[in-house]
Amino acid sequence: MKTLILFFLLTAGSLSVSAQTRPDSVYICLGKYSHAYHRNTYCKGLRNCKAKIMYVSLGDAIKKYGRKACGYCYK
């Protein structure tokens, strides 16, 4: 029984993590002076964002929004 519970917890945890983080998507701030894309919403570079934060594909962040990699997230 303990093995079954442990298996369930490990499986459920790995599914929730993989669903939240997609390597081809990033966060961007839609503020007037924003210029970077970020790995997560906890990034130091997103602290001053006064506008909406969007989750977009990496390709869109670069091509559509003209963003570059954040200096904090992508060291």
N, C-alpha and C. Protein backbone atom coordinates (compact mmCIF):
# COMPACT_ATOMS: atom_id res chain seq x y z
N MET A 1 0.83 -1.20 0.00
CA MET A 1 0.00 0.00 0.00
C MET A 1 0.87 1.26 0.00
N LYS A 2 1.95 1.25 0.80
CA LYS A 2 2.84 2.41 0.84
C LYS A 2 3.48 2.65 -0.51
N THR A 3 3.83 1.57 -1.20
CA THR A 3 4.43 1.69 -2.52
C THR A 3 3.46 2.32 -3.50
N LEU A 4 2.20 1.94 -3.43
CA LEU A 4 1.18 2.48 -4.31
C LEU A 4 0.99 3.97 -4.07
N ILE A 5 0.95 4.38 -2.83
CA ILE A 5 0.79 5.79 -2.50
C ILE A 5 2.01 6.59 -2.97
N LEU A 6 3.19 6.07 -2.73
CA LEU A 6 4.41 6.74 -3.15
C LEU A 6 4.45 6.88 -4.67
N PHE A 7 4.08 5.84 -5.38
CA PHE A 7 4.04 5.87 -6.84
C PHE A 7 3.07 6.95 -7.33
N PHE A 8 1.89 7.01 -6.72
CA PHE A 8 0.89 8.01 -7.10
C PHE A 8 1.41 9.43 -6.88
N LEU A 9 2.02 9.68 -5.75
CA LEU A 9 2.53 11.01 -5.45
C LEU A 9 3.64 11.42 -6.41
N LEU A 10 4.53 10.51 -6.72
CA LEU A 10 5.61 10.82 -7.66
C LEU A 10 5.09 11.06 -9.06
N THR A 11 4.15 10.26 -9.48
CA THR A 11 3.56 10.41 -10.81
C THR A 11 2.78 11.71 -10.93
N ALA A 12 1.96 12.02 -9.96
CA ALA A 12 1.16 13.24 -9.98
C ALA A 12 2.05 14.47 -9.95
N GLY A 13 3.12 14.44 -9.17
CA GLY A 13 4.04 15.57 -9.09
C GLY A 13 4.76 15.82 -10.39
N SER A 14 5.18 14.77 -11.07
CA SER A 14 5.90 14.95 -12.33
C SER A 14 4.98 15.43 -13.43
N LEU A 15 3.72 15.04 -13.42
CA LEU A 15 2.78 15.51 -14.43
C LEU A 15 2.48 16.98 -14.26
N SER A 16 2.32 17.45 -13.04
CA SER A 16 2.00 18.85 -12.82
C SER A 16 3.18 19.74 -13.17
N VAL A 17 4.39 19.31 -12.92
CA VAL A 17 5.57 20.11 -13.25
C VAL A 17 5.73 20.20 -14.76
N SER A 18 5.58 19.10 -15.48
CA SER A 18 5.76 19.12 -16.92
C SER A 18 4.66 19.91 -17.61
N ALA A 19 3.47 19.98 -17.04
CA ALA A 19 2.39 20.74 -17.65
C ALA A 19 2.60 22.24 -17.47
N GLN A 20 3.30 22.65 -16.43
CA GLN A 20 3.49 24.07 -16.15
C GLN A 20 4.67 24.66 -16.92
N THR A 21 5.69 23.89 -17.18
CA THR A 21 6.88 24.43 -17.83
C THR A 21 7.04 23.84 -19.21
N ARG A 22 6.90 24.67 -20.21
CA ARG A 22 7.14 24.25 -21.59
C ARG A 22 8.37 24.99 -22.06
N PRO A 23 9.36 24.27 -22.54
CA PRO A 23 10.63 24.92 -22.89
C PRO A 23 10.52 25.88 -24.07
N ASP A 24 9.47 25.78 -24.86
CA ASP A 24 9.33 26.66 -26.02
C ASP A 24 8.47 27.88 -25.74
N SER A 25 8.09 28.12 -24.48
CA SER A 25 7.28 29.27 -24.12
C SER A 25 7.96 30.10 -23.04
N VAL A 26 7.71 31.40 -23.07
CA VAL A 26 8.35 32.33 -22.16
C VAL A 26 7.34 33.38 -21.70
N TYR A 27 7.75 34.18 -20.73
CA TYR A 27 6.91 35.27 -20.22
C TYR A 27 7.46 36.59 -20.73
N ILE A 28 6.54 37.49 -21.10
CA ILE A 28 6.95 38.84 -21.50
C ILE A 28 6.05 39.85 -20.80
N CYS A 29 6.59 41.01 -20.55
CA CYS A 29 5.82 42.13 -20.03
C CYS A 29 5.40 42.98 -21.21
N LEU A 30 4.16 43.41 -21.23
CA LEU A 30 3.66 44.21 -22.35
C LEU A 30 3.83 45.70 -22.13
N GLY A 31 4.66 46.07 -21.17
CA GLY A 31 4.91 47.48 -20.88
C GLY A 31 5.61 48.20 -22.02
N LYS A 32 5.51 49.50 -21.99
CA LYS A 32 6.03 50.36 -23.06
C LYS A 32 7.54 50.19 -23.26
N TYR A 33 8.29 50.02 -22.19
CA TYR A 33 9.75 49.96 -22.29
C TYR A 33 10.32 48.56 -22.10
N SER A 34 9.49 47.56 -22.15
CA SER A 34 9.95 46.17 -21.97
C SER A 34 10.71 45.71 -23.20
N HIS A 35 11.75 44.91 -22.97
CA HIS A 35 12.57 44.47 -24.10
C HIS A 35 13.06 43.03 -23.99
N ALA A 36 12.66 42.30 -22.94
CA ALA A 36 13.20 40.95 -22.74
C ALA A 36 12.10 39.92 -22.54
N TYR A 37 12.47 38.66 -22.76
CA TYR A 37 11.59 37.55 -22.39
C TYR A 37 12.21 36.81 -21.23
N HIS A 38 11.36 36.14 -20.43
CA HIS A 38 11.78 35.56 -19.17
C HIS A 38 11.35 34.11 -19.04
N ARG A 39 12.10 33.32 -18.26
CA ARG A 39 11.78 31.91 -18.03
C ARG A 39 10.57 31.72 -17.14
N ASN A 40 10.42 32.56 -16.11
CA ASN A 40 9.32 32.40 -15.16
C ASN A 40 8.87 33.75 -14.64
N THR A 41 7.76 33.76 -13.95
CA THR A 41 7.20 35.01 -13.44
C THR A 41 7.91 35.52 -12.20
N TYR A 42 8.78 34.71 -11.61
CA TYR A 42 9.50 35.12 -10.41
C TYR A 42 10.82 35.81 -10.75
N CYS A 43 11.07 36.05 -11.99
CA CYS A 43 12.33 36.66 -12.43
C CYS A 43 12.46 38.08 -11.89
N LYS A 44 13.68 38.43 -11.52
CA LYS A 44 13.99 39.77 -11.03
C LYS A 44 13.67 40.83 -12.09
N GLY A 45 13.81 40.46 -13.35
CA GLY A 45 13.56 41.39 -14.45
C GLY A 45 12.09 41.73 -14.65
N LEU A 46 11.19 40.97 -14.09
CA LEU A 46 9.75 41.23 -14.23
C LEU A 46 9.16 42.00 -13.04
N ARG A 47 9.97 42.31 -12.06
CA ARG A 47 9.46 42.99 -10.86
C ARG A 47 8.81 44.34 -11.15
N ASN A 48 9.37 45.07 -12.07
CA ASN A 48 8.86 46.42 -12.34
C ASN A 48 7.79 46.47 -13.42
N CYS A 49 7.32 45.35 -13.86
CA CYS A 49 6.30 45.33 -14.91
C CYS A 49 4.99 45.89 -14.37
N LYS A 50 4.56 46.99 -14.95
CA LYS A 50 3.30 47.63 -14.55
C LYS A 50 2.14 47.23 -15.46
N ALA A 51 2.47 46.58 -16.57
CA ALA A 51 1.46 46.17 -17.54
C ALA A 51 1.16 44.68 -17.37
N LYS A 52 0.47 44.13 -18.33
CA LYS A 52 0.11 42.72 -18.31
C LYS A 52 1.31 41.85 -18.64
N ILE A 53 1.42 40.69 -17.97
CA ILE A 53 2.46 39.71 -18.26
C ILE A 53 1.80 38.59 -19.06
N MET A 54 2.37 38.27 -20.22
CA MET A 54 1.81 37.24 -21.10
C MET A 54 2.74 36.05 -21.20
N TYR A 55 2.16 34.88 -21.42
CA TYR A 55 2.88 33.63 -21.66
C TYR A 55 2.77 33.33 -23.14
N VAL A 56 3.86 33.47 -23.87
CA VAL A 56 3.85 33.32 -25.33
C VAL A 56 4.93 32.33 -25.77
N SER A 57 4.87 31.91 -27.00
CA SER A 57 5.92 31.02 -27.52
C SER A 57 7.21 31.81 -27.68
N LEU A 58 8.31 31.10 -27.61
CA LEU A 58 9.62 31.75 -27.75
C LEU A 58 9.76 32.41 -29.11
N GLY A 59 9.26 31.76 -30.15
CA GLY A 59 9.31 32.33 -31.49
C GLY A 59 8.56 33.65 -31.59
N ASP A 60 7.37 33.72 -31.00
CA ASP A 60 6.60 34.96 -31.00
C ASP A 60 7.29 36.05 -30.20
N ALA A 61 7.87 35.69 -29.08
CA ALA A 61 8.56 36.68 -28.25
C ALA A 61 9.69 37.35 -29.04
N ILE A 62 10.39 36.56 -29.84
CA ILE A 62 11.52 37.09 -30.61
C ILE A 62 11.05 37.81 -31.86
N LYS A 63 10.23 37.15 -32.66
CA LYS A 63 9.84 37.70 -33.97
C LYS A 63 8.72 38.75 -33.87
N LYS A 64 7.65 38.43 -33.17
CA LYS A 64 6.48 39.32 -33.12
C LYS A 64 6.69 40.50 -32.17
N TYR A 65 7.30 40.22 -31.00
CA TYR A 65 7.44 41.27 -29.99
C TYR A 65 8.84 41.87 -29.93
N GLY A 66 9.80 41.32 -30.68
CA GLY A 66 11.15 41.86 -30.74
C GLY A 66 11.92 41.80 -29.43
N ARG A 67 11.71 40.74 -28.66
CA ARG A 67 12.34 40.62 -27.34
C ARG A 67 13.64 39.83 -27.42
N LYS A 68 14.52 40.10 -26.45
CA LYS A 68 15.78 39.37 -26.31
C LYS A 68 15.77 38.66 -24.97
N ALA A 69 16.68 37.73 -24.78
CA ALA A 69 16.74 36.96 -23.53
C ALA A 69 17.06 37.88 -22.35
N CYS A 70 16.43 37.62 -21.24
CA CYS A 70 16.65 38.37 -20.01
C CYS A 70 18.05 38.08 -19.47
N GLY A 71 18.72 39.10 -19.00
CA GLY A 71 20.05 38.96 -18.44
C GLY A 71 20.07 38.21 -17.12
N TYR A 72 18.97 38.20 -16.39
CA TYR A 72 18.90 37.49 -15.11
C TYR A 72 18.55 36.01 -15.33
N CYS A 73 17.56 35.75 -16.17
CA CYS A 73 17.09 34.38 -16.39
C CYS A 73 18.08 33.52 -17.18
N TYR A 74 18.70 34.11 -18.16
CA TYR A 74 19.50 33.36 -19.11
C TYR A 74 20.98 33.69 -18.99
N LYS A 75 21.51 33.60 -17.79
CA LYS A 75 22.95 33.85 -17.58
C LYS A 75 23.76 32.67 -18.02
